[in-house]
Amino acid sequence: MLLHYLEKLKIHIFADIQQIWKKINKILIKSLHLKGYPAKRLTDKFPEKSWTKCAVKKQLKKLRDTGTVDRRQAAADLAVPSLKKMLRS
């Protein structure tokens, strides 16, 4: 039972680490883009990252369109404050 729990914990920790690295990569792409790096230069400068030119272009488009590389907040998360306000009334 303990071994099973530890395996599940290991999977969750690995997933969290992957999410952290994804966030770091997005921040790196954003900061270098703001310095004038195009997608091709980013993929050439960091071959160890295994970024595709298409994926970098997608991040840059999202940055241009929304001003951020963060994920969009879920509609349910946006509705919660207004729902709480309605329930208090």
C-alpha atoms as a PDB file:
ATOM      1  CA  MET A   1       0.000   0.000   0.000  1.00  0.00           C
ATOM      2  CA  LEU A   2       2.793   2.417   0.911  1.00  0.00           C
ATOM      3  CA  LEU A   3       4.656   1.589  -2.295  1.00  0.00           C
ATOM      4  CA  HIS A   4       1.545   2.358  -4.350  1.00  0.00           C
ATOM      5  CA  TYR A   5       1.153   5.703  -2.580  1.00  0.00           C
ATOM      6  CA  LEU A   6       4.808   6.577  -3.162  1.00  0.00           C
ATOM      7  CA  GLU A   7       4.490   5.761  -6.876  1.00  0.00           C
ATOM      8  CA  LYS A   8       1.463   8.058  -7.173  1.00  0.00           C
ATOM      9  CA  LEU A   9       3.316  10.774  -5.277  1.00  0.00           C
ATOM     10  CA  LYS A  10       6.314  10.398  -7.586  1.00  0.00           C
ATOM     11  CA  ILE A  11       4.067  10.825 -10.631  1.00  0.00           C
ATOM     12  CA  HIS A  12       2.494  13.972  -9.176  1.00  0.00           C
ATOM     13  CA  ILE A  13       5.880  15.454  -8.292  1.00  0.00           C
ATOM     14  CA  PHE A  14       7.164  14.717 -11.808  1.00  0.00           C
ATOM     15  CA  ALA A  15       4.076  16.369 -13.320  1.00  0.00           C
ATOM     16  CA  ASP A  16       4.589  19.431 -11.110  1.00  0.00           C
ATOM     17  CA  ILE A  17       8.239  19.692 -12.177  1.00  0.00           C
ATOM     18  CA  GLN A  18       7.205  19.481 -15.830  1.00  0.00           C
ATOM     19  CA  GLN A  19       4.691  22.299 -15.305  1.00  0.00           C
ATOM     20  CA  ILE A  20       7.382  24.437 -13.664  1.00  0.00           C
ATOM     21  CA  TRP A  21       9.764  23.891 -16.611  1.00  0.00           C
ATOM     22  CA  LYS A  22       6.998  24.723 -19.088  1.00  0.00           C
ATOM     23  CA  LYS A  23       6.352  27.971 -17.238  1.00  0.00           C
ATOM     24  CA  ILE A  24      10.080  28.805 -17.199  1.00  0.00           C
ATOM     25  CA  ASN A  25      10.325  28.125 -20.948  1.00  0.00           C
ATOM     26  CA  LYS A  26       7.353  30.396 -21.647  1.00  0.00           C
ATOM     27  CA  ILE A  27       8.920  33.173 -19.591  1.00  0.00           C
ATOM     28  CA  LEU A  28      12.215  32.708 -21.458  1.00  0.00           C
ATOM     29  CA  ILE A  29      10.447  32.871 -24.830  1.00  0.00           C
ATOM     30  CA  LYS A  30       8.568  36.003 -23.745  1.00  0.00           C
ATOM     31  CA  SER A  31      11.626  37.827 -22.423  1.00  0.00           C
ATOM     32  CA  LEU A  32      13.774  37.037 -25.461  1.00  0.00           C
ATOM     33  CA  HIS A  33      10.962  37.979 -27.841  1.00  0.00           C
ATOM     34  CA  LEU A  34      10.686  41.339 -26.118  1.00  0.00           C
ATOM     35  CA  LYS A  35      14.413  41.776 -26.835  1.00  0.00           C
ATOM     36  CA  GLY A  36      13.703  41.210 -30.540  1.00  0.00           C
ATOM     37  CA  TYR A  37      14.346  37.484 -30.998  1.00  0.00           C
ATOM     38  CA  PRO A  38      12.157  35.924 -33.732  1.00  0.00           C
ATOM     39  CA  ALA A  39      10.981  32.300 -33.513  1.00  0.00           C
ATOM     40  CA  LYS A  40      13.745  30.951 -35.777  1.00  0.00           C
ATOM     41  CA  ARG A  41      16.484  32.577 -33.703  1.00  0.00           C
ATOM     42  CA  LEU A  42      14.986  31.159 -30.482  1.00  0.00           C
ATOM     43  CA  THR A  43      14.904  27.607 -31.846  1.00  0.00           C
ATOM     44  CA  ASP A  44      18.452  27.948 -33.193  1.00  0.00           C
ATOM     45  CA  LYS A  45      19.801  29.434 -29.945  1.00  0.00           C
ATOM     46  CA  PHE A  46      18.317  26.671 -27.735  1.00  0.00           C
ATOM     47  CA  PRO A  47      18.513  23.359 -29.661  1.00  0.00           C
ATOM     48  CA  GLU A  48      18.649  21.415 -26.363  1.00  0.00           C
ATOM     49  CA  LYS A  49      15.109  22.611 -25.562  1.00  0.00           C
ATOM     50  CA  SER A  50      13.687  20.736 -28.583  1.00  0.00           C
ATOM     51  CA  TRP A  51      11.321  23.613 -29.287  1.00  0.00           C
ATOM     52  CA  THR A  52       9.694  23.528 -32.682  1.00  0.00           C
ATOM     53  CA  LYS A  53       9.463  26.724 -34.680  1.00  0.00           C
ATOM     54  CA  CYS A  54       5.702  26.237 -34.901  1.00  0.00           C
ATOM     55  CA  ALA A  55       5.306  25.939 -31.100  1.00  0.00           C
ATOM     56  CA  VAL A  56       7.402  29.062 -30.514  1.00  0.00           C
ATOM     57  CA  LYS A  57       5.396  30.970 -33.126  1.00  0.00           C
ATOM     58  CA  LYS A  58       2.206  29.896 -31.365  1.00  0.00           C
ATOM     59  CA  GLN A  59       3.509  31.231 -28.034  1.00  0.00           C
ATOM     60  CA  LEU A  60       4.579  34.491 -29.665  1.00  0.00           C
ATOM     61  CA  LYS A  61       1.167  34.908 -31.306  1.00  0.00           C
ATOM     62  CA  LYS A  62      -0.509  34.338 -27.954  1.00  0.00           C
ATOM     63  CA  LEU A  63       1.828  36.908 -26.410  1.00  0.00           C
ATOM     64  CA  ARG A  64       0.995  39.464 -29.101  1.00  0.00           C
ATOM     65  CA  ASP A  65      -2.768  38.809 -28.901  1.00  0.00           C
ATOM     66  CA  THR A  66      -3.196  38.671 -25.126  1.00  0.00           C
ATOM     67  CA  GLY A  67      -0.061  40.295 -23.742  1.00  0.00           C
ATOM     68  CA  THR A  68       0.716  37.197 -21.672  1.00  0.00           C
ATOM     69  CA  VAL A  69       1.871  33.612 -22.125  1.00  0.00           C
ATOM     70  CA  ASP A  70      -0.198  32.399 -19.157  1.00  0.00           C
ATOM     71  CA  ARG A  71      -3.116  30.082 -19.625  1.00  0.00           C
ATOM     72  CA  ARG A  72      -6.574  31.543 -19.803  1.00  0.00           C
ATOM     73  CA  GLN A  73      -8.592  31.412 -16.587  1.00  0.00           C
ATOM     74  CA  ALA A  74     -11.422  28.891 -16.733  1.00  0.00           C
ATOM     75  CA  ALA A  75     -14.945  30.265 -17.115  1.00  0.00           C
ATOM     76  CA  ALA A  76     -15.991  28.414 -13.951  1.00  0.00           C
ATOM     77  CA  ASP A  77     -13.244  30.193 -11.979  1.00  0.00           C
ATOM     78  CA  LEU A  78     -14.460  33.543 -13.264  1.00  0.00           C
ATOM     79  CA  ALA A  79     -18.061  32.764 -12.278  1.00  0.00           C
ATOM     80  CA  VAL A  80     -17.256  31.781  -8.673  1.00  0.00           C
ATOM     81  CA  PRO A  81     -16.897  35.317  -7.219  1.00  0.00           C
ATOM     82  CA  SER A  82     -20.171  36.471  -8.755  1.00  0.00           C
ATOM     83  CA  LEU A  83     -21.894  33.297  -7.551  1.00  0.00           C
ATOM     84  CA  LYS A  84     -20.628  33.891  -4.009  1.00  0.00           C
ATOM     85  CA  LYS A  85     -21.875  37.479  -4.204  1.00  0.00           C
ATOM     86  CA  MET A  86     -25.331  36.270  -5.274  1.00  0.00           C
ATOM     87  CA  LEU A  87     -25.473  33.764  -2.439  1.00  0.00           C
ATOM     88  CA  ARG A  88     -24.626  36.436   0.155  1.00  0.00           C
ATOM     89  CA  SER A  89     -27.507  38.666  -0.992  1.00  0.00           C
END
